[in-house]
N, C-alpha and C. Protein backbone atom coordinates (compact mmCIF):
# COMPACT_ATOMS: atom_id res chain seq x y z
N MET A 1 0.86 -1.18 0.01
CA MET A 1 -0.01 -0.01 0.06
C MET A 1 0.87 1.30 -0.04
N GLU A 2 0.65 2.12 -0.92
CA GLU A 2 1.31 3.34 -1.05
C GLU A 2 0.52 4.52 -0.43
N VAL A 3 1.04 5.12 0.57
CA VAL A 3 0.36 6.18 1.41
C VAL A 3 1.16 7.57 1.03
N ASN A 4 0.42 8.47 0.30
CA ASN A 4 1.10 9.68 0.03
C ASN A 4 0.65 10.77 1.10
N GLU A 5 -0.56 10.65 1.40
CA GLU A 5 -1.22 11.61 2.46
C GLU A 5 -2.42 11.10 3.10
N LEU A 6 -2.44 11.18 4.27
CA LEU A 6 -3.62 10.72 5.18
C LEU A 6 -3.82 11.99 6.22
N LYS A 7 -4.80 12.82 5.99
CA LYS A 7 -4.86 13.95 7.02
C LYS A 7 -6.44 14.12 7.43
N LEU A 8 -6.55 14.43 8.69
CA LEU A 8 -7.96 14.64 9.21
C LEU A 8 -7.70 15.84 10.06
N GLU A 9 -8.52 16.88 9.62
CA GLU A 9 -8.47 18.20 10.44
C GLU A 9 -9.76 18.60 10.79
N ILE A 10 -9.99 18.83 12.19
CA ILE A 10 -11.32 19.40 12.72
C ILE A 10 -10.92 20.80 13.28
N ARG A 11 -11.70 21.78 12.78
CA ARG A 11 -11.30 23.18 13.36
C ARG A 11 -12.54 24.01 13.29
N LYS A 12 -12.52 25.09 14.23
CA LYS A 12 -13.66 25.99 14.22
C LYS A 12 -13.46 26.83 12.89
N HIS A 13 -14.88 26.85 12.29
CA HIS A 13 -14.78 27.72 11.07
C HIS A 13 -14.54 29.12 11.37
N HIS A 14 -13.70 29.82 10.71
CA HIS A 14 -13.40 31.19 10.90
C HIS A 14 -14.41 32.23 10.62
N VAL A 15 -15.46 31.83 10.06
CA VAL A 15 -16.42 32.96 9.69
C VAL A 15 -17.66 32.80 10.44
N THR A 16 -18.15 31.51 10.71
CA THR A 16 -19.56 31.50 11.20
C THR A 16 -19.33 30.79 12.71
N PRO A 17 -19.59 31.59 13.79
CA PRO A 17 -19.63 31.23 15.12
C PRO A 17 -20.44 29.96 15.34
N GLY A 18 -19.92 28.84 16.09
CA GLY A 18 -20.83 27.71 16.48
C GLY A 18 -20.79 26.72 15.31
N ILE A 19 -19.93 26.90 14.41
CA ILE A 19 -19.74 25.78 13.23
C ILE A 19 -18.42 25.28 13.30
N ASN A 20 -18.28 23.80 13.18
CA ASN A 20 -17.16 23.18 13.11
C ASN A 20 -16.88 22.74 11.69
N VAL A 21 -15.68 22.75 11.27
CA VAL A 21 -15.37 22.19 9.89
C VAL A 21 -14.46 20.98 9.94
N LEU A 22 -14.81 19.89 9.10
CA LEU A 22 -14.06 18.72 9.06
C LEU A 22 -13.52 18.73 7.75
N ASP A 23 -12.21 18.60 7.52
CA ASP A 23 -11.31 18.51 6.31
C ASP A 23 -10.85 17.13 6.35
N LEU A 24 -11.12 16.41 5.34
CA LEU A 24 -10.65 15.00 5.28
C LEU A 24 -9.88 14.73 3.96
N VAL A 25 -8.67 14.44 4.12
CA VAL A 25 -7.84 14.23 2.78
C VAL A 25 -7.08 12.98 2.93
N ILE A 26 -7.33 12.04 1.84
CA ILE A 26 -6.83 10.74 1.79
C ILE A 26 -6.25 10.67 0.38
N ASP A 27 -5.02 10.34 0.31
CA ASP A 27 -4.22 9.98 -1.13
C ASP A 27 -3.51 8.65 -0.77
N ALA A 28 -4.16 7.58 -0.86
CA ALA A 28 -3.43 6.35 -0.44
C ALA A 28 -4.02 5.22 -1.21
N ASP A 29 -3.20 4.21 -1.61
CA ASP A 29 -3.59 3.12 -2.33
C ASP A 29 -4.54 3.33 -3.55
N GLY A 30 -4.21 4.37 -4.44
CA GLY A 30 -4.75 4.65 -5.52
C GLY A 30 -6.19 5.53 -5.26
N GLU A 31 -6.70 5.79 -4.04
CA GLU A 31 -7.59 6.48 -3.65
C GLU A 31 -7.18 8.03 -3.42
N LYS A 32 -7.90 8.96 -4.19
CA LYS A 32 -7.63 10.31 -3.70
C LYS A 32 -9.06 10.99 -3.39
N ILE A 33 -9.30 11.36 -1.99
CA ILE A 33 -10.60 11.94 -1.45
C ILE A 33 -10.08 13.23 -0.93
N LYS A 34 -10.81 14.25 -1.18
CA LYS A 34 -10.65 15.53 -0.49
C LYS A 34 -12.20 16.05 -0.29
N ILE A 35 -12.55 16.14 0.97
CA ILE A 35 -13.94 16.73 1.24
C ILE A 35 -13.81 17.61 2.49
N GLN A 36 -14.84 18.49 2.62
CA GLN A 36 -15.08 19.37 3.59
C GLN A 36 -16.46 19.47 4.02
N THR A 37 -16.76 19.30 5.25
CA THR A 37 -18.25 19.32 5.65
C THR A 37 -18.19 20.39 6.88
N GLN A 38 -19.35 20.97 7.08
CA GLN A 38 -19.47 21.79 8.20
C GLN A 38 -20.78 21.31 9.00
N HIS A 39 -20.57 21.48 10.44
CA HIS A 39 -21.53 20.86 11.26
C HIS A 39 -21.65 21.99 12.44
N LYS A 40 -22.95 22.05 12.92
CA LYS A 40 -23.08 22.90 14.19
C LYS A 40 -22.39 22.21 15.23
N GLU A 41 -21.97 22.97 16.24
CA GLU A 41 -21.20 22.42 17.40
C GLU A 41 -22.09 21.45 18.15
N THR A 42 -23.48 21.63 18.14
CA THR A 42 -24.38 20.67 18.82
C THR A 42 -24.81 19.49 18.15
N ASP A 43 -24.13 19.38 17.05
CA ASP A 43 -24.54 17.98 16.10
C ASP A 43 -23.99 16.78 16.83
N ARG A 44 -24.77 15.91 17.26
CA ARG A 44 -24.35 14.75 17.96
C ARG A 44 -23.58 13.83 17.12
N ALA A 45 -24.06 13.67 15.97
CA ALA A 45 -23.03 12.78 15.06
C ALA A 45 -21.75 13.26 14.86
N PHE A 46 -21.56 14.62 14.79
CA PHE A 46 -20.22 15.23 14.60
C PHE A 46 -19.51 14.96 15.86
N GLN A 47 -20.05 15.16 17.06
CA GLN A 47 -19.41 15.05 18.44
C GLN A 47 -18.91 13.61 18.49
N GLN A 48 -19.80 12.57 18.09
CA GLN A 48 -19.38 11.21 18.16
C GLN A 48 -18.16 10.91 17.22
N PHE A 49 -18.22 11.58 16.00
CA PHE A 49 -17.10 11.36 15.05
C PHE A 49 -15.82 11.80 15.87
N VAL A 50 -15.91 13.00 16.39
CA VAL A 50 -14.77 13.51 17.08
C VAL A 50 -14.16 12.47 18.09
N LYS A 51 -15.11 11.97 18.89
CA LYS A 51 -14.65 11.09 19.99
C LYS A 51 -13.93 9.87 19.35
N ASP A 52 -14.58 9.24 18.15
CA ASP A 52 -13.96 8.21 17.52
C ASP A 52 -12.66 8.56 16.86
N ALA A 53 -12.45 9.73 16.26
CA ALA A 53 -11.25 10.24 15.82
C ALA A 53 -10.14 10.18 16.93
N ILE A 54 -10.48 10.70 18.06
CA ILE A 54 -9.51 10.69 19.22
C ILE A 54 -9.14 9.28 19.51
N LYS A 55 -10.15 8.44 19.78
CA LYS A 55 -9.88 7.06 20.13
C LYS A 55 -8.95 6.41 19.04
N LEU A 56 -9.26 6.50 17.72
CA LEU A 56 -8.34 5.97 16.78
C LEU A 56 -6.89 6.48 16.83
N GLY A 57 -6.88 7.83 17.05
CA GLY A 57 -5.33 8.57 17.20
C GLY A 57 -4.73 7.89 18.45
N LYS A 58 -5.46 7.69 19.48
CA LYS A 58 -4.64 7.06 20.62
C LYS A 58 -4.30 5.59 20.31
N THR A 59 -5.10 4.96 19.74
CA THR A 59 -4.89 3.60 19.33
C THR A 59 -3.58 3.47 18.48
N LEU A 60 -3.46 4.34 17.43
CA LEU A 60 -2.55 4.32 16.39
C LEU A 60 -1.16 4.88 17.21
N SER A 61 -1.23 5.67 18.03
CA SER A 61 0.03 6.15 18.72
C SER A 61 0.54 5.09 19.67
N GLU A 62 -0.29 4.16 20.09
CA GLU A 62 0.30 3.17 20.91
C GLU A 62 0.69 1.91 20.23
N ALA A 63 0.57 1.87 18.95
CA ALA A 63 0.84 0.71 18.12
C ALA A 63 2.42 0.65 17.93
N ARG A 64 2.85 -0.46 17.80
CA ARG A 64 4.22 -0.65 17.73
C ARG A 64 4.57 -1.38 16.50
N ILE A 65 5.63 -1.02 15.80
CA ILE A 65 6.09 -1.89 14.75
C ILE A 65 7.12 -3.00 15.11
N GLU A 66 6.73 -4.19 14.87
CA GLU A 66 7.50 -5.23 15.22
C GLU A 66 8.30 -6.00 14.00
């Protein structure tokens, strides 16, 4: 598998208060995906996505190459 870029960015929108922006960029294994979505801070699905992303990040940071 060739991985050129795998990036997940969650940030507050700089224009609209109360809006979170999700940037997802994947360039790996022949797939090129770039999307941006906007969600209200109170969006439960977005809040769960953030929790899942944090869990994944922690899991990956604990993984060891053997």
